[in-house]
Amino acid sequence: MSTTCTHCNGTGEIARRTTFPMSYVGPGPVPEDALSVVAATCDECRGTGRIEAAAARKQ
């Protein structure tokens, strides 16, 4: 059983700053006209948008 990833809201993408420290901004997808923000693959679900039950228990 899997659940929707809360880090990316199930999109598989997150927004990161383009400047140091490249921190998480919010769930993606990132709008084309966003400034100083880039889309990245979600590091919690590895881009699938879903988290398996065993991994969800660890959070």
PDB file of N, CA and C in Angstrom:
ATOM      1  N   MET A   1       0.838  -1.179   0.000  1.00  0.00           N
ATOM      2  CA  MET A   1       0.000   0.000   0.000  1.00  0.00           C
ATOM      3  C   MET A   1       0.885   1.244   0.000  1.00  0.00           C
ATOM      4  N   SER A   2       0.508   2.236  -0.765  1.00  0.00           N
ATOM      5  CA  SER A   2       1.297   3.463  -0.821  1.00  0.00           C
ATOM      6  C   SER A   2       0.404   4.670  -0.559  1.00  0.00           C
ATOM      7  N   THR A   3       1.046   5.752  -0.162  1.00  0.00           N
ATOM      8  CA  THR A   3       0.336   7.001   0.101  1.00  0.00           C
ATOM      9  C   THR A   3       0.934   8.110  -0.749  1.00  0.00           C
ATOM     10  N   THR A   4       0.185   9.173  -0.929  1.00  0.00           N
ATOM     11  CA  THR A   4       0.673  10.314  -1.693  1.00  0.00           C
ATOM     12  C   THR A   4       1.802  11.002  -0.928  1.00  0.00           C
ATOM     13  N   CYS A   5       2.849  11.333  -1.619  1.00  0.00           N
ATOM     14  CA  CYS A   5       3.993  12.017  -1.018  1.00  0.00           C
ATOM     15  C   CYS A   5       3.581  13.428  -0.602  1.00  0.00           C
ATOM     16  N   THR A   6       3.807  13.780   0.654  1.00  0.00           N
ATOM     17  CA  THR A   6       3.447  15.108   1.144  1.00  0.00           C
ATOM     18  C   THR A   6       4.501  16.155   0.810  1.00  0.00           C
ATOM     19  N   HIS A   7       5.703  15.711   0.484  1.00  0.00           N
ATOM     20  CA  HIS A   7       6.793  16.637   0.144  1.00  0.00           C
ATOM     21  C   HIS A   7       6.543  17.312  -1.204  1.00  0.00           C
ATOM     22  N   CYS A   8       5.984  16.546  -2.167  1.00  0.00           N
ATOM     23  CA  CYS A   8       5.740  17.078  -3.517  1.00  0.00           C
ATOM     24  C   CYS A   8       4.247  17.119  -3.868  1.00  0.00           C
ATOM     25  N   ASN A   9       3.389  16.740  -2.936  1.00  0.00           N
ATOM     26  CA  ASN A   9       1.935  16.668  -3.164  1.00  0.00           C
ATOM     27  C   ASN A   9       1.570  15.745  -4.319  1.00  0.00           C
ATOM     28  N   GLY A  10       2.358  14.695  -4.505  1.00  0.00           N
ATOM     29  CA  GLY A  10       2.068  13.695  -5.521  1.00  0.00           C
ATOM     30  C   GLY A  10       2.490  14.055  -6.932  1.00  0.00           C
ATOM     31  N   THR A  11       3.171  15.188  -7.125  1.00  0.00           N
ATOM     32  CA  THR A  11       3.578  15.595  -8.459  1.00  0.00           C
ATOM     33  C   THR A  11       4.907  14.970  -8.895  1.00  0.00           C
ATOM     34  N   GLY A  12       5.735  14.563  -7.938  1.00  0.00           N
ATOM     35  CA  GLY A  12       7.055  14.022  -8.257  1.00  0.00           C
ATOM     36  C   GLY A  12       8.100  15.101  -8.447  1.00  0.00           C
ATOM     37  N   GLU A  13       7.690  16.365  -8.389  1.00  0.00           N
ATOM     38  CA  GLU A  13       8.609  17.500  -8.538  1.00  0.00           C
ATOM     39  C   GLU A  13       8.511  18.424  -7.336  1.00  0.00           C
ATOM     40  N   ILE A  14       9.645  19.037  -7.004  1.00  0.00           N
ATOM     41  CA  ILE A  14       9.676  20.072  -5.981  1.00  0.00           C
ATOM     42  C   ILE A  14      10.377  21.299  -6.545  1.00  0.00           C
ATOM     43  N   ALA A  15      10.198  22.422  -5.900  1.00  0.00           N
ATOM     44  CA  ALA A  15      10.882  23.653  -6.289  1.00  0.00           C
ATOM     45  C   ALA A  15      12.068  23.872  -5.362  1.00  0.00           C
ATOM     46  N   ARG A  16      13.221  24.203  -5.944  1.00  0.00           N
ATOM     47  CA  ARG A  16      14.437  24.511  -5.172  1.00  0.00           C
ATOM     48  C   ARG A  16      14.956  25.872  -5.601  1.00  0.00           C
ATOM     49  N   ARG A  17      15.593  26.554  -4.682  1.00  0.00           N
ATOM     50  CA  ARG A  17      16.234  27.835  -4.995  1.00  0.00           C
ATOM     51  C   ARG A  17      17.435  27.595  -5.904  1.00  0.00           C
ATOM     52  N   THR A  18      17.719  28.551  -6.781  1.00  0.00           N
ATOM     53  CA  THR A  18      18.884  28.422  -7.658  1.00  0.00           C
ATOM     54  C   THR A  18      20.142  28.992  -7.011  1.00  0.00           C
ATOM     55  N   THR A  19      19.984  29.641  -5.878  1.00  0.00           N
ATOM     56  CA  THR A  19      21.123  30.209  -5.163  1.00  0.00           C
ATOM     57  C   THR A  19      21.401  29.396  -3.900  1.00  0.00           C
ATOM     58  N   PHE A  20      22.585  29.548  -3.371  1.00  0.00           N
ATOM     59  CA  PHE A  20      22.967  28.822  -2.155  1.00  0.00           C
ATOM     60  C   PHE A  20      21.951  29.096  -1.058  1.00  0.00           C
ATOM     61  N   PRO A  21      21.476  28.118  -0.372  1.00  0.00           N
ATOM     62  CA  PRO A  21      21.888  26.727  -0.251  1.00  0.00           C
ATOM     63  C   PRO A  21      21.049  25.748  -1.062  1.00  0.00           C
ATOM     64  N   MET A  22      20.404  26.188  -2.151  1.00  0.00           N
ATOM     65  CA  MET A  22      19.579  25.319  -2.994  1.00  0.00           C
ATOM     66  C   MET A  22      18.502  24.615  -2.162  1.00  0.00           C
ATOM     67  N   SER A  23      17.871  25.347  -1.270  1.00  0.00           N
ATOM     68  CA  SER A  23      16.907  24.777  -0.344  1.00  0.00           C
ATOM     69  C   SER A  23      15.543  24.538  -0.978  1.00  0.00           C
ATOM     70  N   TYR A  24      14.777  23.684  -0.321  1.00  0.00           N
ATOM     71  CA  TYR A  24      13.420  23.343  -0.730  1.00  0.00           C
ATOM     72  C   TYR A  24      12.531  24.575  -0.594  1.00  0.00           C
ATOM     73  N   VAL A  25      11.750  24.876  -1.627  1.00  0.00           N
ATOM     74  CA  VAL A  25      10.837  26.014  -1.597  1.00  0.00           C
ATOM     75  C   VAL A  25       9.405  25.532  -1.404  1.00  0.00           C
ATOM     76  N   GLY A  26       9.005  24.497  -2.147  1.00  0.00           N
ATOM     77  CA  GLY A  26       7.656  23.968  -2.051  1.00  0.00           C
ATOM     78  C   GLY A  26       7.424  22.896  -3.087  1.00  0.00           C
ATOM     79  N   PRO A  27       6.220  22.327  -3.096  1.00  0.00           N
ATOM     80  CA  PRO A  27       5.917  21.291  -4.089  1.00  0.00           C
ATOM     81  C   PRO A  27       5.824  21.878  -5.490  1.00  0.00           C
ATOM     82  N   GLY A  28       6.132  21.073  -6.496  1.00  0.00           N
ATOM     83  CA  GLY A  28       6.064  21.518  -7.888  1.00  0.00           C
ATOM     84  C   GLY A  28       4.718  21.247  -8.477  1.00  0.00           C
ATOM     85  N   PRO A  29       4.537  21.399  -9.744  1.00  0.00           N
ATOM     86  CA  PRO A  29       5.531  21.867 -10.712  1.00  0.00           C
ATOM     87  C   PRO A  29       5.774  23.376 -10.602  1.00  0.00           C
ATOM     88  N   VAL A  30       6.934  23.778 -11.070  1.00  0.00           N
ATOM     89  CA  VAL A  30       7.354  25.173 -10.994  1.00  0.00           C
ATOM     90  C   VAL A  30       6.855  25.928 -12.231  1.00  0.00           C
ATOM     91  N   PRO A  31       6.235  27.086 -12.053  1.00  0.00           N
ATOM     92  CA  PRO A  31       5.784  27.877 -13.208  1.00  0.00           C
ATOM     93  C   PRO A  31       6.960  28.308 -14.087  1.00  0.00           C
ATOM     94  N   GLU A  32       6.724  28.443 -15.386  1.00  0.00           N
ATOM     95  CA  GLU A  32       7.770  28.840 -16.337  1.00  0.00           C
ATOM     96  C   GLU A  32       8.401  30.184 -15.992  1.00  0.00           C
ATOM     97  N   ASP A  33       7.607  31.120 -15.472  1.00  0.00           N
ATOM     98  CA  ASP A  33       8.110  32.468 -15.207  1.00  0.00           C
ATOM     99  C   ASP A  33       8.628  32.662 -13.776  1.00  0.00           C
ATOM    100  N   ALA A  34       8.834  31.578 -13.036  1.00  0.00           N
ATOM    101  CA  ALA A  34       9.347  31.679 -11.667  1.00  0.00           C
ATOM    102  C   ALA A  34      10.801  32.159 -11.694  1.00  0.00           C
ATOM    103  N   LEU A  35      11.116  33.070 -10.822  1.00  0.00           N
ATOM    104  CA  LEU A  35      12.470  33.609 -10.740  1.00  0.00           C
ATOM    105  C   LEU A  35      13.244  32.968  -9.596  1.00  0.00           C
ATOM    106  N   SER A  36      14.485  32.628  -9.848  1.00  0.00           N
ATOM    107  CA  SER A  36      15.404  32.057  -8.855  1.00  0.00           C
ATOM    108  C   SER A  36      14.921  30.731  -8.283  1.00  0.00           C
ATOM    109  N   VAL A  37      14.082  30.012  -9.033  1.00  0.00           N
ATOM    110  CA  VAL A  37      13.565  28.722  -8.589  1.00  0.00           C
ATOM    111  C   VAL A  37      13.658  27.746  -9.764  1.00  0.00           C
ATOM    112  N   VAL A  38      14.017  26.508  -9.458  1.00  0.00           N
ATOM    113  CA  VAL A  38      14.143  25.478 -10.485  1.00  0.00           C
ATOM    114  C   VAL A  38      13.399  24.228 -10.034  1.00  0.00           C
ATOM    115  N   ALA A  39      12.870  23.472 -10.988  1.00  0.00           N
ATOM    116  CA  ALA A  39      12.202  22.209 -10.673  1.00  0.00           C
ATOM    117  C   ALA A  39      13.252  21.127 -10.449  1.00  0.00           C
ATOM    118  N   ALA A  40      12.978  20.257  -9.498  1.00  0.00           N
ATOM    119  CA  ALA A  40      13.866  19.130  -9.203  1.00  0.00           C
ATOM    120  C   ALA A  40      13.022  17.912  -8.874  1.00  0.00           C
ATOM    121  N   THR A  41      13.596  16.743  -9.058  1.00  0.00           N
ATOM    122  CA  THR A  41      12.909  15.513  -8.691  1.00  0.00           C
ATOM    123  C   THR A  41      12.796  15.440  -7.176  1.00  0.00           C
ATOM    124  N   CYS A  42      11.634  15.064  -6.697  1.00  0.00           N
ATOM    125  CA  CYS A  42      11.399  14.962  -5.258  1.00  0.00           C
ATOM    126  C   CYS A  42      12.348  13.935  -4.649  1.00  0.00           C
ATOM    127  N   ASP A  43      13.031  14.309  -3.576  1.00  0.00           N
ATOM    128  CA  ASP A  43      13.974  13.399  -2.942  1.00  0.00           C
ATOM    129  C   ASP A  43      13.310  12.467  -1.933  1.00  0.00           C
ATOM    130  N   GLU A  44      12.060  12.701  -1.605  1.00  0.00           N
ATOM    131  CA  GLU A  44      11.340  11.818  -0.683  1.00  0.00           C
ATOM    132  C   GLU A  44      10.775  10.598  -1.414  1.00  0.00           C
ATOM    133  N   CYS A  45      10.151  10.820  -2.589  1.00  0.00           N
ATOM    134  CA  CYS A  45       9.513   9.720  -3.328  1.00  0.00           C
ATOM    135  C   CYS A  45      10.271   9.349  -4.596  1.00  0.00           C
ATOM    136  N   ARG A  46      11.373  10.033  -4.867  1.00  0.00           N
ATOM    137  CA  ARG A  46      12.207   9.810  -6.057  1.00  0.00           C
ATOM    138  C   ARG A  46      11.440  10.008  -7.355  1.00  0.00           C
ATOM    139  N   GLY A  47      10.511  10.970  -7.337  1.00  0.00           N
ATOM    140  CA  GLY A  47       9.800  11.344  -8.549  1.00  0.00           C
ATOM    141  C   GLY A  47       8.555  10.545  -8.862  1.00  0.00           C
ATOM    142  N   THR A  48       8.190   9.599  -8.024  1.00  0.00           N
ATOM    143  CA  THR A  48       7.015   8.778  -8.302  1.00  0.00           C
ATOM    144  C   THR A  48       5.718   9.419  -7.818  1.00  0.00           C
ATOM    145  N   GLY A  49       5.805  10.296  -6.825  1.00  0.00           N
ATOM    146  CA  GLY A  49       4.615  10.917  -6.253  1.00  0.00           C
ATOM    147  C   GLY A  49       3.947  10.067  -5.192  1.00  0.00           C
ATOM    148  N   ARG A  50       4.462   8.866  -4.976  1.00  0.00           N
ATOM    149  CA  ARG A  50       3.894   7.932  -3.997  1.00  0.00           C
ATOM    150  C   ARG A  50       4.990   7.438  -3.055  1.00  0.00           C
ATOM    151  N   ILE A  51       4.615   7.182  -1.815  1.00  0.00           N
ATOM    152  CA  ILE A  51       5.542   6.624  -0.839  1.00  0.00           C
ATOM    153  C   ILE A  51       4.974   5.285  -0.377  1.00  0.00           C
ATOM    154  N   GLU A  52       5.796   4.259  -0.412  1.00  0.00           N
ATOM    155  CA  GLU A  52       5.356   2.931   0.020  1.00  0.00           C
ATOM    156  C   GLU A  52       5.088   2.937   1.509  1.00  0.00           C
ATOM    157  N   ALA A  53       4.227   2.062   1.970  1.00  0.00           N
ATOM    158  CA  ALA A  53       3.798   2.016   3.367  1.00  0.00           C
ATOM    159  C   ALA A  53       4.983   1.858   4.331  1.00  0.00           C
ATOM    160  N   ALA A  54       5.955   1.012   4.010  1.00  0.00           N
ATOM    161  CA  ALA A  54       7.103   0.824   4.882  1.00  0.00           C
ATOM    162  C   ALA A  54       7.896   2.112   5.033  1.00  0.00           C
ATOM    163  N   ALA A  55       8.070   2.857   3.960  1.00  0.00           N
ATOM    164  CA  ALA A  55       8.791   4.133   4.010  1.00  0.00           C
ATOM    165  C   ALA A  55       7.961   5.191   4.719  1.00  0.00           C
ATOM    166  N   ALA A  56       6.657   5.160   4.566  1.00  0.00           N
ATOM    167  CA  ALA A  56       5.782   6.137   5.195  1.00  0.00           C
ATOM    168  C   ALA A  56       5.816   6.007   6.710  1.00  0.00           C
ATOM    169  N   ARG A  57       5.991   4.808   7.224  1.00  0.00           N
ATOM    170  CA  ARG A  57       6.043   4.611   8.676  1.00  0.00           C
ATOM    171  C   ARG A  57       7.282   5.245   9.270  1.00  0.00           C
ATOM    172  N   LYS A  58       8.383   5.338   8.506  1.00  0.00           N
ATOM    173  CA  LYS A  58       9.630   5.905   9.004  1.00  0.00           C
ATOM    174  C   LYS A  58       9.543   7.413   9.184  1.00  0.00           C
ATOM    175  N   GLN A  59       8.637   8.092   8.457  1.00  0.00           N
ATOM    176  CA  GLN A  59       8.573   9.550   8.492  1.00  0.00           C
ATOM    177  C   GLN A  59       7.994  10.050   9.762  1.00  0.00           C
TER     178      GLN A  59
END
